[in-house]
């Protein structure tokens, strides 16, 4: 029964919610504001802007992902911000 329902369900490459994630995610709204205020940037990421740029330059090549027809990658800057924001030492 469950298998039949799965076969009948319409398959989507990308769910509608994920298509609009750029307009709803936290980083999208805060990135411009955080870049203008170094103190708030440091509170948000726990690292200074200078140290962030240095770290990004060092790891950017390993954070780059390929574009596909269905998925847009998360850019290295955002990947690093999310990692720093939600990692707790």
N, C-alpha and C. Protein backbone atom coordinates (compact mmCIF):
# COMPACT_ATOMS: atom_id res chain seq x y z
N UNK A 1 0.83 -1.20 0.00
CA UNK A 1 0.00 0.00 0.00
C UNK A 1 0.87 1.26 0.00
N UNK A 2 1.86 1.30 0.91
CA UNK A 2 2.72 2.48 1.00
C UNK A 2 3.54 2.65 -0.28
N UNK A 3 3.99 1.55 -0.85
CA UNK A 3 4.76 1.60 -2.08
C UNK A 3 3.92 2.15 -3.22
N UNK A 4 2.67 1.76 -3.26
CA UNK A 4 1.77 2.25 -4.29
C UNK A 4 1.58 3.76 -4.16
N UNK A 5 1.43 4.25 -2.93
CA UNK A 5 1.28 5.68 -2.70
C UNK A 5 2.52 6.43 -3.13
N UNK A 6 3.68 5.87 -2.86
CA UNK A 6 4.92 6.51 -3.27
C UNK A 6 5.03 6.60 -4.79
N UNK A 7 4.60 5.55 -5.48
CA UNK A 7 4.65 5.55 -6.93
C UNK A 7 3.68 6.56 -7.52
N UNK A 8 2.55 6.73 -6.87
CA UNK A 8 1.53 7.64 -7.38
C UNK A 8 1.84 9.10 -7.06
N UNK A 9 2.63 9.32 -6.04
CA UNK A 9 2.95 10.70 -5.65
C UNK A 9 3.79 11.35 -6.74
N UNK A 10 3.51 12.59 -7.00
CA UNK A 10 4.26 13.33 -8.00
C UNK A 10 5.63 13.67 -7.45
N UNK A 11 6.65 13.35 -8.21
CA UNK A 11 8.02 13.62 -7.77
C UNK A 11 8.42 15.02 -8.21
N UNK A 12 9.06 15.72 -7.30
CA UNK A 12 9.57 17.05 -7.60
C UNK A 12 11.07 17.04 -7.45
N UNK A 13 11.78 17.74 -8.33
CA UNK A 13 13.22 17.85 -8.20
C UNK A 13 13.58 18.69 -6.98
N UNK A 14 12.91 19.82 -6.84
CA UNK A 14 13.14 20.72 -5.72
C UNK A 14 11.77 21.14 -5.19
N UNK A 15 11.58 20.98 -3.90
CA UNK A 15 10.30 21.36 -3.30
C UNK A 15 10.13 22.87 -3.39
N UNK A 16 8.88 23.32 -3.45
CA UNK A 16 8.58 24.74 -3.58
C UNK A 16 9.17 25.56 -2.44
N UNK A 17 9.18 25.02 -1.24
CA UNK A 17 9.75 25.74 -0.09
C UNK A 17 11.23 26.00 -0.32
N UNK A 18 11.93 25.01 -0.84
CA UNK A 18 13.36 25.16 -1.06
C UNK A 18 13.69 26.09 -2.21
N UNK A 19 12.75 26.25 -3.14
CA UNK A 19 12.97 27.21 -4.23
C UNK A 19 13.01 28.63 -3.71
N UNK A 20 12.31 28.90 -2.63
CA UNK A 20 12.23 30.24 -2.07
C UNK A 20 13.13 30.44 -0.86
N UNK A 21 14.07 29.54 -0.61
CA UNK A 21 14.85 29.64 0.61
C UNK A 21 15.72 30.90 0.67
N UNK A 22 16.10 31.44 -0.47
CA UNK A 22 16.92 32.65 -0.46
C UNK A 22 16.16 33.84 0.11
N UNK A 23 14.84 33.83 0.00
CA UNK A 23 14.06 34.95 0.53
C UNK A 23 13.67 34.75 1.99
N UNK A 24 13.85 33.54 2.51
CA UNK A 24 13.41 33.26 3.87
C UNK A 24 14.55 33.00 4.85
N UNK A 25 15.74 32.68 4.37
CA UNK A 25 16.78 32.30 5.33
C UNK A 25 17.34 33.50 6.09
N UNK A 26 17.87 33.22 7.24
CA UNK A 26 18.37 34.25 8.14
C UNK A 26 19.56 35.00 7.56
N UNK A 27 20.46 34.29 6.96
CA UNK A 27 21.67 34.93 6.43
C UNK A 27 21.36 35.90 5.31
N UNK A 28 20.40 35.57 4.47
CA UNK A 28 20.04 36.44 3.35
C UNK A 28 19.64 37.83 3.84
N UNK A 29 18.91 37.89 4.93
CA UNK A 29 18.44 39.17 5.45
C UNK A 29 19.52 39.91 6.24
N UNK A 30 20.40 39.18 6.87
CA UNK A 30 21.38 39.81 7.75
C UNK A 30 22.73 40.12 7.11
N UNK A 31 23.06 39.51 6.00
CA UNK A 31 24.41 39.60 5.47
C UNK A 31 24.85 41.04 5.20
N UNK A 32 24.02 41.83 4.57
CA UNK A 32 24.39 43.21 4.26
C UNK A 32 24.54 44.03 5.54
N UNK A 33 23.64 43.84 6.48
CA UNK A 33 23.71 44.58 7.74
C UNK A 33 24.94 44.18 8.55
N UNK A 34 25.24 42.90 8.59
CA UNK A 34 26.38 42.43 9.36
C UNK A 34 27.70 42.92 8.78
N UNK A 35 27.78 43.01 7.46
CA UNK A 35 29.01 43.47 6.83
C UNK A 35 29.27 44.95 7.11
N UNK A 36 28.22 45.71 7.39
CA UNK A 36 28.37 47.13 7.67
C UNK A 36 28.72 47.40 9.13
N UNK A 37 28.49 46.45 10.01
CA UNK A 37 28.75 46.63 11.44
C UNK A 37 29.67 45.52 11.96
N UNK A 38 30.97 45.79 12.03
CA UNK A 38 31.94 44.76 12.44
C UNK A 38 31.67 44.18 13.83
N UNK A 39 31.15 44.99 14.74
CA UNK A 39 30.88 44.49 16.09
C UNK A 39 29.75 43.47 16.09
N UNK A 40 28.68 43.76 15.35
CA UNK A 40 27.56 42.80 15.26
C UNK A 40 27.98 41.54 14.50
N UNK A 41 28.85 41.72 13.49
CA UNK A 41 29.36 40.57 12.75
C UNK A 41 30.11 39.63 13.70
N UNK A 42 30.92 40.23 14.58
CA UNK A 42 31.69 39.40 15.51
C UNK A 42 30.78 38.71 16.53
N UNK A 43 29.73 39.38 16.97
CA UNK A 43 28.79 38.75 17.90
C UNK A 43 28.06 37.59 17.19
N UNK A 44 27.70 37.79 15.92
CA UNK A 44 26.95 36.78 15.18
C UNK A 44 27.80 35.55 14.85
N UNK A 45 29.06 35.77 14.45
CA UNK A 45 29.89 34.65 13.99
C UNK A 45 30.96 34.22 14.99
N UNK A 46 31.17 35.01 16.03
CA UNK A 46 32.21 34.76 17.04
C UNK A 46 33.61 34.87 16.46
N UNK A 47 33.79 35.67 15.41
CA UNK A 47 35.09 35.88 14.79
C UNK A 47 35.08 37.27 14.15
N UNK A 48 36.22 37.96 14.16
CA UNK A 48 36.27 39.30 13.58
C UNK A 48 36.16 39.22 12.06
N UNK A 49 35.81 40.33 11.43
CA UNK A 49 35.66 40.34 9.98
C UNK A 49 36.99 40.06 9.28
N UNK A 50 38.08 40.60 9.83
CA UNK A 50 39.39 40.36 9.24
C UNK A 50 39.77 38.88 9.31
N UNK A 51 39.54 38.27 10.46
CA UNK A 51 39.83 36.84 10.63
C UNK A 51 38.91 36.00 9.75
N UNK A 52 37.66 36.44 9.59
CA UNK A 52 36.71 35.73 8.73
C UNK A 52 37.19 35.75 7.28
N UNK A 53 37.60 36.93 6.80
CA UNK A 53 38.08 37.03 5.42
C UNK A 53 39.34 36.19 5.21
N UNK A 54 40.23 36.19 6.18
CA UNK A 54 41.43 35.36 6.10
C UNK A 54 41.06 33.88 6.03
N UNK A 55 40.19 33.45 6.91
CA UNK A 55 39.76 32.05 6.93
C UNK A 55 39.02 31.67 5.64
N UNK A 56 38.16 32.56 5.16
CA UNK A 56 37.43 32.31 3.93
C UNK A 56 38.39 32.15 2.75
N UNK A 57 39.40 33.00 2.67
CA UNK A 57 40.38 32.89 1.60
C UNK A 57 41.12 31.56 1.64
N UNK A 58 41.36 31.04 2.83
CA UNK A 58 42.08 29.77 2.99
C UNK A 58 41.22 28.56 2.62
N UNK A 59 39.93 28.58 2.94
CA UNK A 59 39.09 27.39 2.76
C UNK A 59 38.09 27.51 1.63
N UNK A 60 38.05 28.62 0.95
CA UNK A 60 37.02 28.85 -0.06
C UNK A 60 37.01 27.77 -1.15
N UNK A 61 38.16 27.37 -1.63
CA UNK A 61 38.22 26.36 -2.71
C UNK A 61 37.62 25.03 -2.29
N UNK A 62 37.75 24.68 -1.03
CA UNK A 62 37.18 23.40 -0.59
C UNK A 62 35.68 23.50 -0.28
N UNK A 63 35.15 24.71 -0.20
CA UNK A 63 33.73 24.90 0.08
C UNK A 63 32.89 25.11 -1.18
N UNK A 64 33.54 25.27 -2.33
CA UNK A 64 32.82 25.51 -3.58
C UNK A 64 32.16 24.23 -4.04
N UNK A 65 30.90 24.33 -4.40
CA UNK A 65 30.13 23.20 -4.94
C UNK A 65 29.70 23.52 -6.37
N UNK A 66 29.41 22.50 -7.15
CA UNK A 66 29.01 22.68 -8.54
C UNK A 66 27.54 23.04 -8.66
N UNK A 67 27.24 23.85 -9.68
CA UNK A 67 25.87 24.17 -10.01
C UNK A 67 25.27 23.00 -10.80
N UNK A 68 23.99 22.75 -10.60
CA UNK A 68 23.29 21.77 -11.42
C UNK A 68 22.04 22.43 -11.99
N UNK A 69 21.34 21.71 -12.83
CA UNK A 69 20.11 22.27 -13.40
C UNK A 69 19.02 22.43 -12.36
N UNK A 70 19.06 21.64 -11.29
CA UNK A 70 17.98 21.65 -10.30
C UNK A 70 18.37 22.34 -9.01
N UNK A 71 19.64 22.38 -8.70
CA UNK A 71 20.07 22.89 -7.40
C UNK A 71 21.10 23.99 -7.54
N UNK A 72 20.89 25.05 -6.79
CA UNK A 72 21.91 26.08 -6.69
C UNK A 72 22.72 25.79 -5.44
N UNK A 73 24.01 25.89 -5.50
CA UNK A 73 24.82 25.56 -4.33
C UNK A 73 24.77 26.68 -3.29
N UNK A 74 25.12 26.33 -2.09
CA UNK A 74 25.28 27.32 -1.04
C UNK A 74 26.69 27.89 -1.21
N UNK A 75 26.79 29.18 -1.31
CA UNK A 75 28.08 29.80 -1.58
C UNK A 75 29.02 29.67 -0.39
N UNK A 76 30.33 29.66 -0.65
CA UNK A 76 31.31 29.44 0.41
C UNK A 76 31.18 30.40 1.59
N UNK A 77 30.92 31.67 1.32
CA UNK A 77 30.78 32.64 2.41
C UNK A 77 29.64 32.26 3.35
N UNK A 78 28.50 31.88 2.79
CA UNK A 78 27.36 31.50 3.61
C UNK A 78 27.64 30.20 4.36
N UNK A 79 28.28 29.23 3.70
CA UNK A 79 28.61 27.97 4.35
C UNK A 79 29.51 28.21 5.57
N UNK A 80 30.48 29.11 5.42
CA UNK A 80 31.39 29.40 6.53
C UNK A 80 30.67 30.13 7.65
N UNK A 81 29.82 31.08 7.31
CA UNK A 81 29.06 31.81 8.34
C UNK A 81 28.18 30.85 9.13
N UNK A 82 27.49 29.97 8.44
CA UNK A 82 26.61 29.01 9.13
C UNK A 82 27.44 28.09 10.03
N UNK A 83 28.58 27.64 9.53
CA UNK A 83 29.46 26.78 10.34
C UNK A 83 29.93 27.49 11.59
N UNK A 84 30.36 28.72 11.44
CA UNK A 84 30.84 29.48 12.60
C UNK A 84 29.70 29.82 13.56
N UNK A 85 28.58 30.14 13.00
CA UNK A 85 27.43 30.54 13.82
C UNK A 85 26.92 29.40 14.71
N UNK A 86 26.85 28.20 14.15
CA UNK A 86 26.23 27.11 14.88
C UNK A 86 27.20 26.09 15.44
N UNK A 87 28.50 26.33 15.27
CA UNK A 87 29.47 25.43 15.94
C UNK A 87 29.77 26.03 17.31
N UNK A 88 29.84 25.22 18.28
CA UNK A 88 30.09 25.66 19.65
C UNK A 88 31.32 24.95 20.16
N UNK A 89 32.29 25.73 20.58
CA UNK A 89 33.54 25.16 21.07
C UNK A 89 33.54 25.12 22.57
